[in-house]
Amino acid sequence: MDITLEQPVRARLITGEDQELPVSATLRYASAEPFAVSLDFPAEVSLAGERVTWTFARALLEEGLRGPAGSGDVHIWPCGRSRTVVEFHSPLGMALLQFDSPALDRFLLRSYAVVAAGDEDVAAAVDEGLQTLLGNV
């Protein structure tokens, strides 16, 4: 049975003028995609005026809570003892958000209660990826 966790979180968008604007988001984890977590943002905080979802490795989130992590479109690092910065890069630009670290930690713990680290089904993920790439060839 597939299980999906969702957890609302508050973030602060850091602007170019060093202002912090409150942003609501939803963290999501699905046992059907055990290696990934998603952050959903409502349309009102998007430049395009549409709901935006960023999906990245659950391991990246865990690593970023402990030290700087990420080399692609998503970078995560701790900022003091109680905040974590998540930086998103897209063709439209870059967004820098701060989250309360304890909220991210709670979400990770809940996700590991669903699928423990190391218990992810790699074979199923590879099969699904190949099916997506190759279709019915």
Protein backbone atom coordinates (compact mmCIF):
# COMPACT_ATOMS: atom_id res chain seq x y z
CA MET A 1 0.00 0.00 0.00
CA ASP A 2 1.33 3.43 -0.96
CA ILE A 3 1.50 6.02 1.81
CA THR A 4 1.81 9.77 1.28
CA LEU A 5 2.81 12.18 4.03
CA GLU A 6 2.12 15.88 3.83
CA GLN A 7 3.27 18.51 6.29
CA PRO A 8 2.56 22.24 6.00
CA VAL A 9 5.63 24.37 6.68
CA ARG A 10 6.32 28.06 6.99
CA ALA A 11 9.26 29.56 5.19
CA ARG A 12 10.77 32.99 4.75
CA LEU A 13 11.64 34.10 1.23
CA ILE A 14 14.83 36.18 1.30
CA THR A 15 14.60 38.98 -1.23
CA GLY A 16 17.37 40.94 -2.97
CA GLU A 17 16.70 43.77 -0.53
CA ASP A 18 17.45 41.45 2.42
CA GLN A 19 13.79 41.37 3.41
CA GLU A 20 12.08 38.22 4.66
CA LEU A 21 8.63 37.53 3.25
CA PRO A 22 6.48 34.76 4.81
CA VAL A 23 5.67 31.89 2.47
CA SER A 24 3.56 28.81 3.06
CA ALA A 25 4.55 25.47 1.55
CA THR A 26 3.80 21.79 1.91
CA LEU A 27 6.42 19.08 2.34
CA ARG A 28 5.39 15.79 0.73
CA TYR A 29 6.79 12.27 0.82
CA ALA A 30 5.30 9.28 -1.00
CA SER A 31 6.34 5.69 -0.37
CA ALA A 32 5.83 5.09 -4.10
CA GLU A 33 8.85 7.40 -4.70
CA PRO A 34 10.96 6.47 -1.66
CA PHE A 35 14.09 8.41 -2.64
CA ALA A 36 12.35 11.77 -3.17
CA VAL A 37 10.71 14.55 -1.21
CA SER A 38 8.70 17.40 -2.68
CA LEU A 39 8.05 20.98 -1.65
CA ASP A 40 4.79 22.38 -3.01
CA PHE A 41 4.34 26.15 -3.21
CA PRO A 42 0.97 27.83 -3.87
CA ALA A 43 0.39 29.88 -7.03
CA GLU A 44 0.50 33.21 -5.20
CA VAL A 45 4.21 32.84 -4.43
CA SER A 46 5.21 31.85 -7.97
CA LEU A 47 6.51 34.27 -10.60
CA ALA A 48 4.38 32.45 -13.18
CA GLY A 49 1.28 32.57 -10.98
CA GLU A 50 1.01 28.77 -10.96
CA ARG A 51 1.50 26.18 -8.26
CA VAL A 52 5.14 25.07 -8.18
CA THR A 53 6.58 21.76 -6.98
CA TRP A 54 10.26 21.10 -6.42
CA THR A 55 11.24 17.44 -6.06
CA PHE A 56 14.67 16.39 -4.87
CA ALA A 57 16.43 13.58 -3.01
CA ARG A 58 15.38 12.83 0.54
CA ALA A 59 19.08 12.21 1.26
CA LEU A 60 19.85 15.76 0.08
CA LEU A 61 17.43 17.18 2.62
CA GLU A 62 18.98 15.12 5.40
CA GLU A 63 22.52 16.03 4.37
CA GLY A 64 21.61 19.72 4.06
CA LEU A 65 20.30 19.81 7.63
CA ARG A 66 23.79 18.85 8.85
CA GLY A 67 26.02 20.78 6.43
CA PRO A 68 26.14 22.33 2.94
CA ALA A 69 24.72 19.97 0.31
CA GLY A 70 23.64 20.04 -3.30
CA SER A 71 25.29 20.58 -6.65
CA GLY A 72 22.38 21.02 -9.06
CA ASP A 73 19.19 23.06 -8.96
CA VAL A 74 18.69 22.59 -5.21
CA HIS A 75 21.22 23.55 -2.51
CA ILE A 76 20.57 23.16 1.22
CA TRP A 77 22.58 24.24 4.24
CA PRO A 78 22.10 24.96 7.95
CA CYS A 79 21.90 28.61 9.01
CA GLY A 80 22.61 28.73 12.71
CA ARG A 81 21.04 26.18 15.03
CA SER A 82 17.40 26.64 14.18
CA ARG A 83 17.17 27.50 10.49
CA THR A 84 17.92 25.76 7.23
CA VAL A 85 18.33 27.53 3.90
CA VAL A 86 17.02 25.98 0.69
CA GLU A 87 18.15 27.58 -2.55
CA PHE A 88 16.31 26.77 -5.79
CA HIS A 89 17.70 27.54 -9.26
CA SER A 90 15.55 27.63 -12.40
CA PRO A 91 15.69 29.29 -15.83
CA LEU A 92 13.54 32.08 -14.33
CA GLY A 93 16.04 32.84 -11.57
CA MET A 94 16.92 31.83 -8.04
CA ALA A 95 14.88 31.68 -4.84
CA LEU A 96 16.37 31.59 -1.36
CA LEU A 97 14.14 30.36 1.47
CA GLN A 98 14.71 29.79 5.17
CA PHE A 99 12.85 27.04 7.03
CA ASP A 100 12.73 26.15 10.70
CA SER A 101 15.10 23.18 11.02
CA PRO A 102 12.99 21.32 13.61
CA ALA A 103 10.05 21.21 11.17
CA LEU A 104 12.28 19.69 8.47
CA ASP A 105 13.72 17.20 10.99
CA ARG A 106 10.20 16.13 12.07
CA PHE A 107 9.22 15.60 8.44
CA LEU A 108 12.30 13.45 7.78
CA LEU A 109 11.63 11.34 10.87
CA ARG A 110 8.04 10.80 9.73
CA SER A 111 9.26 9.78 6.25
CA TYR A 112 11.72 7.28 7.75
CA ALA A 113 8.86 5.78 9.76
CA VAL A 114 7.17 5.04 6.41
CA VAL A 115 10.29 3.84 4.54
CA ALA A 116 13.46 3.51 6.58
CA ALA A 117 16.76 4.70 5.12
CA GLY A 118 18.28 1.75 3.28
CA ASP A 119 14.92 0.00 2.87
CA GLU A 120 14.03 1.81 -0.34
CA ASP A 121 13.23 -0.65 -3.13
CA VAL A 122 15.94 0.17 -5.65
CA ALA A 123 14.83 -2.51 -8.12
CA ALA A 124 11.29 -1.11 -8.27
CA ALA A 125 12.63 2.41 -8.77
CA VAL A 126 14.90 1.26 -11.62
CA ASP A 127 12.06 -0.69 -13.26
CA GLU A 128 9.77 2.34 -13.03
CA GLY A 129 12.45 4.62 -14.47
CA LEU A 130 13.12 2.26 -17.36
CA GLN A 131 9.41 1.97 -18.07
CA THR A 132 9.14 5.76 -18.15
CA LEU A 133 12.12 6.08 -20.48
CA LEU A 134 11.35 3.20 -22.80
CA GLY A 135 7.58 3.03 -22.65
CA ASN A 136 6.27 -0.14 -24.25
CA VAL A 137 9.30 -0.78 -26.47
